[in-house]
């Protein structure tokens, strides 16, 4: 169970760098909540729009040269609900390669009727 959640979070990080906003949206609940400095999004549509804006600013996505690296992952799951705490690094390809940001994710996840884990809430701190 915890490996499925870790896989979801690592997939989300990879898709933030290589995928489309639609790909990211498929990993979110319909009523997802996202909180970070200067932004609060509610619902899948608003969150995907916010993540799209982050790409437009050059923080993520193909062509940005950035990579999201997740580490120090702790997962606590009970039934169909889980929390996950992790640290992240946002690394620029450079040259030279550099750490652009360091922070943490506090995530809440739920398992849907199809058995897949989805991100229900993310709080980002830097």
C-alpha atoms as a PDB file:
ATOM      1  CA  UNK A   1       0.000   0.000   0.000  1.00  0.00           C
ATOM      2  CA  UNK A   2       2.693   2.526   0.940  1.00  0.00           C
ATOM      3  CA  UNK A   3       4.682   1.657  -2.187  1.00  0.00           C
ATOM      4  CA  UNK A   4       1.611   2.535  -4.305  1.00  0.00           C
ATOM      5  CA  UNK A   5       1.457   5.941  -2.612  1.00  0.00           C
ATOM      6  CA  UNK A   6       5.188   6.533  -3.029  1.00  0.00           C
ATOM      7  CA  UNK A   7       4.823   5.593  -6.688  1.00  0.00           C
ATOM      8  CA  UNK A   8       1.973   8.116  -7.116  1.00  0.00           C
ATOM      9  CA  UNK A   9       4.042  10.929  -5.592  1.00  0.00           C
ATOM     10  CA  UNK A  10       7.111  10.110  -7.675  1.00  0.00           C
ATOM     11  CA  UNK A  11       4.963   9.837 -10.811  1.00  0.00           C
ATOM     12  CA  UNK A  12       3.463  13.253 -10.043  1.00  0.00           C
ATOM     13  CA  UNK A  13       6.970  14.743  -9.740  1.00  0.00           C
ATOM     14  CA  UNK A  14       8.056  13.179 -13.043  1.00  0.00           C
ATOM     15  CA  UNK A  15       4.922  14.354 -14.833  1.00  0.00           C
ATOM     16  CA  UNK A  16       5.416  17.866 -13.435  1.00  0.00           C
ATOM     17  CA  UNK A  17       8.648  17.873 -15.449  1.00  0.00           C
ATOM     18  CA  UNK A  18       7.762  15.736 -18.473  1.00  0.00           C
ATOM     19  CA  UNK A  19       3.989  15.351 -18.712  1.00  0.00           C
ATOM     20  CA  UNK A  20       1.022  17.524 -19.563  1.00  0.00           C
ATOM     21  CA  UNK A  21      -1.289  19.330 -17.147  1.00  0.00           C
ATOM     22  CA  UNK A  22      -3.958  16.782 -18.141  1.00  0.00           C
ATOM     23  CA  UNK A  23      -1.605  13.972 -17.015  1.00  0.00           C
ATOM     24  CA  UNK A  24      -1.244  15.669 -13.620  1.00  0.00           C
ATOM     25  CA  UNK A  25      -5.004  16.177 -13.326  1.00  0.00           C
ATOM     26  CA  UNK A  26      -5.550  12.430 -13.675  1.00  0.00           C
ATOM     27  CA  UNK A  27      -3.698  11.972 -10.354  1.00  0.00           C
ATOM     28  CA  UNK A  28      -5.958  14.393  -8.429  1.00  0.00           C
ATOM     29  CA  UNK A  29      -9.353  13.943  -6.781  1.00  0.00           C
ATOM     30  CA  UNK A  30     -12.226  16.024  -8.166  1.00  0.00           C
ATOM     31  CA  UNK A  31     -12.238  18.135  -4.989  1.00  0.00           C
ATOM     32  CA  UNK A  32      -8.456  18.409  -4.516  1.00  0.00           C
ATOM     33  CA  UNK A  33      -7.102  21.302  -2.440  1.00  0.00           C
ATOM     34  CA  UNK A  34      -3.680  22.830  -3.142  1.00  0.00           C
ATOM     35  CA  UNK A  35      -1.990  25.398  -0.887  1.00  0.00           C
ATOM     36  CA  UNK A  36       1.335  27.146  -1.360  1.00  0.00           C
ATOM     37  CA  UNK A  37       2.764  30.624  -0.850  1.00  0.00           C
ATOM     38  CA  UNK A  38       0.586  33.055  -2.761  1.00  0.00           C
ATOM     39  CA  UNK A  39      -1.813  30.442  -4.146  1.00  0.00           C
ATOM     40  CA  UNK A  40      -4.795  28.393  -3.003  1.00  0.00           C
ATOM     41  CA  UNK A  41      -6.607  26.226  -5.505  1.00  0.00           C
ATOM     42  CA  UNK A  42      -9.742  24.125  -5.027  1.00  0.00           C
ATOM     43  CA  UNK A  43     -10.975  21.415  -7.331  1.00  0.00           C
ATOM     44  CA  UNK A  44      -9.255  19.603 -10.180  1.00  0.00           C
ATOM     45  CA  UNK A  45      -9.997  22.259 -12.809  1.00  0.00           C
ATOM     46  CA  UNK A  46      -8.634  25.167 -10.763  1.00  0.00           C
ATOM     47  CA  UNK A  47      -5.590  23.167  -9.653  1.00  0.00           C
ATOM     48  CA  UNK A  48      -4.709  22.094 -13.199  1.00  0.00           C
ATOM     49  CA  UNK A  49      -5.084  25.741 -14.302  1.00  0.00           C
ATOM     50  CA  UNK A  50      -2.739  26.816 -11.490  1.00  0.00           C
ATOM     51  CA  UNK A  51      -0.171  24.158 -12.374  1.00  0.00           C
ATOM     52  CA  UNK A  52      -0.425  25.237 -16.012  1.00  0.00           C
ATOM     53  CA  UNK A  53       0.368  28.810 -14.938  1.00  0.00           C
ATOM     54  CA  UNK A  54       3.444  27.539 -13.065  1.00  0.00           C
ATOM     55  CA  UNK A  55       4.607  26.007 -16.345  1.00  0.00           C
ATOM     56  CA  UNK A  56       4.009  29.270 -18.180  1.00  0.00           C
ATOM     57  CA  UNK A  57       6.272  30.959 -15.618  1.00  0.00           C
ATOM     58  CA  UNK A  58       8.990  28.388 -16.403  1.00  0.00           C
ATOM     59  CA  UNK A  59       8.968  26.591 -13.041  1.00  0.00           C
ATOM     60  CA  UNK A  60       8.055  23.177 -14.434  1.00  0.00           C
ATOM     61  CA  UNK A  61       7.212  21.240 -17.543  1.00  0.00           C
ATOM     62  CA  UNK A  62       9.036  20.089 -20.642  1.00  0.00           C
ATOM     63  CA  UNK A  63      11.551  22.667 -21.743  1.00  0.00           C
ATOM     64  CA  UNK A  64      11.923  24.245 -18.297  1.00  0.00           C
ATOM     65  CA  UNK A  65      15.125  22.329 -17.607  1.00  0.00           C
ATOM     66  CA  UNK A  66      13.911  21.773 -14.047  1.00  0.00           C
ATOM     67  CA  UNK A  67      13.479  18.506 -12.162  1.00  0.00           C
ATOM     68  CA  UNK A  68      11.407  17.879  -9.049  1.00  0.00           C
ATOM     69  CA  UNK A  69      13.240  15.478  -6.720  1.00  0.00           C
ATOM     70  CA  UNK A  70      11.338  13.979  -3.772  1.00  0.00           C
ATOM     71  CA  UNK A  71      13.154  12.573  -0.746  1.00  0.00           C
ATOM     72  CA  UNK A  72      12.636  11.685   2.945  1.00  0.00           C
ATOM     73  CA  UNK A  73       9.184  10.275   2.223  1.00  0.00           C
ATOM     74  CA  UNK A  74       7.029   9.166   5.178  1.00  0.00           C
ATOM     75  CA  UNK A  75       3.671   7.521   4.465  1.00  0.00           C
ATOM     76  CA  UNK A  76       0.985   6.748   7.034  1.00  0.00           C
ATOM     77  CA  UNK A  77      -2.034   4.880   5.656  1.00  0.00           C
ATOM     78  CA  UNK A  78      -5.210   3.587   7.251  1.00  0.00           C
ATOM     79  CA  UNK A  79      -7.820   1.998   5.035  1.00  0.00           C
ATOM     80  CA  UNK A  80      -8.551   4.222   2.046  1.00  0.00           C
ATOM     81  CA  UNK A  81      -6.900   7.356   3.463  1.00  0.00           C
ATOM     82  CA  UNK A  82      -3.262   8.292   3.844  1.00  0.00           C
ATOM     83  CA  UNK A  83      -0.951  11.141   4.688  1.00  0.00           C
ATOM     84  CA  UNK A  84       2.504  11.600   3.244  1.00  0.00           C
ATOM     85  CA  UNK A  85       5.278  13.946   4.299  1.00  0.00           C
ATOM     86  CA  UNK A  86       8.253  14.549   2.045  1.00  0.00           C
ATOM     87  CA  UNK A  87      11.007  16.972   1.195  1.00  0.00           C
ATOM     88  CA  UNK A  88      11.635  18.208  -2.314  1.00  0.00           C
ATOM     89  CA  UNK A  89      14.370  19.841  -4.309  1.00  0.00           C
ATOM     90  CA  UNK A  90      13.721  21.762  -7.504  1.00  0.00           C
ATOM     91  CA  UNK A  91      16.881  21.323  -9.547  1.00  0.00           C
ATOM     92  CA  UNK A  92      17.725  23.348 -12.644  1.00  0.00           C
ATOM     93  CA  UNK A  93      19.627  21.599 -15.416  1.00  0.00           C
ATOM     94  CA  UNK A  94      21.833  24.651 -15.800  1.00  0.00           C
ATOM     95  CA  UNK A  95      24.542  24.927 -16.859  1.00  0.00           C
ATOM     96  CA  UNK A  96      25.633  24.631 -14.212  1.00  0.00           C
ATOM     97  CA  UNK A  97      23.022  22.506 -12.481  1.00  0.00           C
ATOM     98  CA  UNK A  98      21.735  24.204  -9.346  1.00  0.00           C
ATOM     99  CA  UNK A  99      19.182  23.735  -6.605  1.00  0.00           C
ATOM    100  CA  UNK A 100      16.521  26.369  -7.279  1.00  0.00           C
ATOM    101  CA  UNK A 101      14.199  25.611  -4.344  1.00  0.00           C
ATOM    102  CA  UNK A 102      13.985  23.376  -1.284  1.00  0.00           C
ATOM    103  CA  UNK A 103      10.770  22.662   0.553  1.00  0.00           C
ATOM    104  CA  UNK A 104       8.306  20.134   1.842  1.00  0.00           C
ATOM    105  CA  UNK A 105       5.038  18.552   0.791  1.00  0.00           C
ATOM    106  CA  UNK A 106       2.303  17.602   3.240  1.00  0.00           C
ATOM    107  CA  UNK A 107      -0.114  15.414   1.286  1.00  0.00           C
ATOM    108  CA  UNK A 108      -3.455  13.778   1.949  1.00  0.00           C
ATOM    109  CA  UNK A 109      -4.488  10.948  -0.345  1.00  0.00           C
ATOM    110  CA  UNK A 110      -7.579   8.851  -0.870  1.00  0.00           C
ATOM    111  CA  UNK A 111      -8.069   5.542  -2.609  1.00  0.00           C
ATOM    112  CA  UNK A 112     -10.833   5.618  -5.197  1.00  0.00           C
ATOM    113  CA  UNK A 113     -13.341   2.910  -6.001  1.00  0.00           C
ATOM    114  CA  UNK A 114     -11.012   1.598  -8.704  1.00  0.00           C
ATOM    115  CA  UNK A 115      -8.265   1.048  -6.098  1.00  0.00           C
ATOM    116  CA  UNK A 116      -6.025   3.880  -7.355  1.00  0.00           C
ATOM    117  CA  UNK A 117      -4.583   6.377  -4.889  1.00  0.00           C
ATOM    118  CA  UNK A 118      -5.217  10.035  -5.732  1.00  0.00           C
ATOM    119  CA  UNK A 119      -3.896  13.275  -4.304  1.00  0.00           C
ATOM    120  CA  UNK A 120      -6.687  14.965  -2.303  1.00  0.00           C
ATOM    121  CA  UNK A 121      -4.701  17.791  -0.692  1.00  0.00           C
ATOM    122  CA  UNK A 122      -1.200  19.191  -1.016  1.00  0.00           C
ATOM    123  CA  UNK A 123       0.417  21.843   1.134  1.00  0.00           C
ATOM    124  CA  UNK A 124       3.714  23.126  -0.242  1.00  0.00           C
ATOM    125  CA  UNK A 125       6.154  25.015   1.986  1.00  0.00           C
ATOM    126  CA  UNK A 126       9.494  26.479   0.964  1.00  0.00           C
END
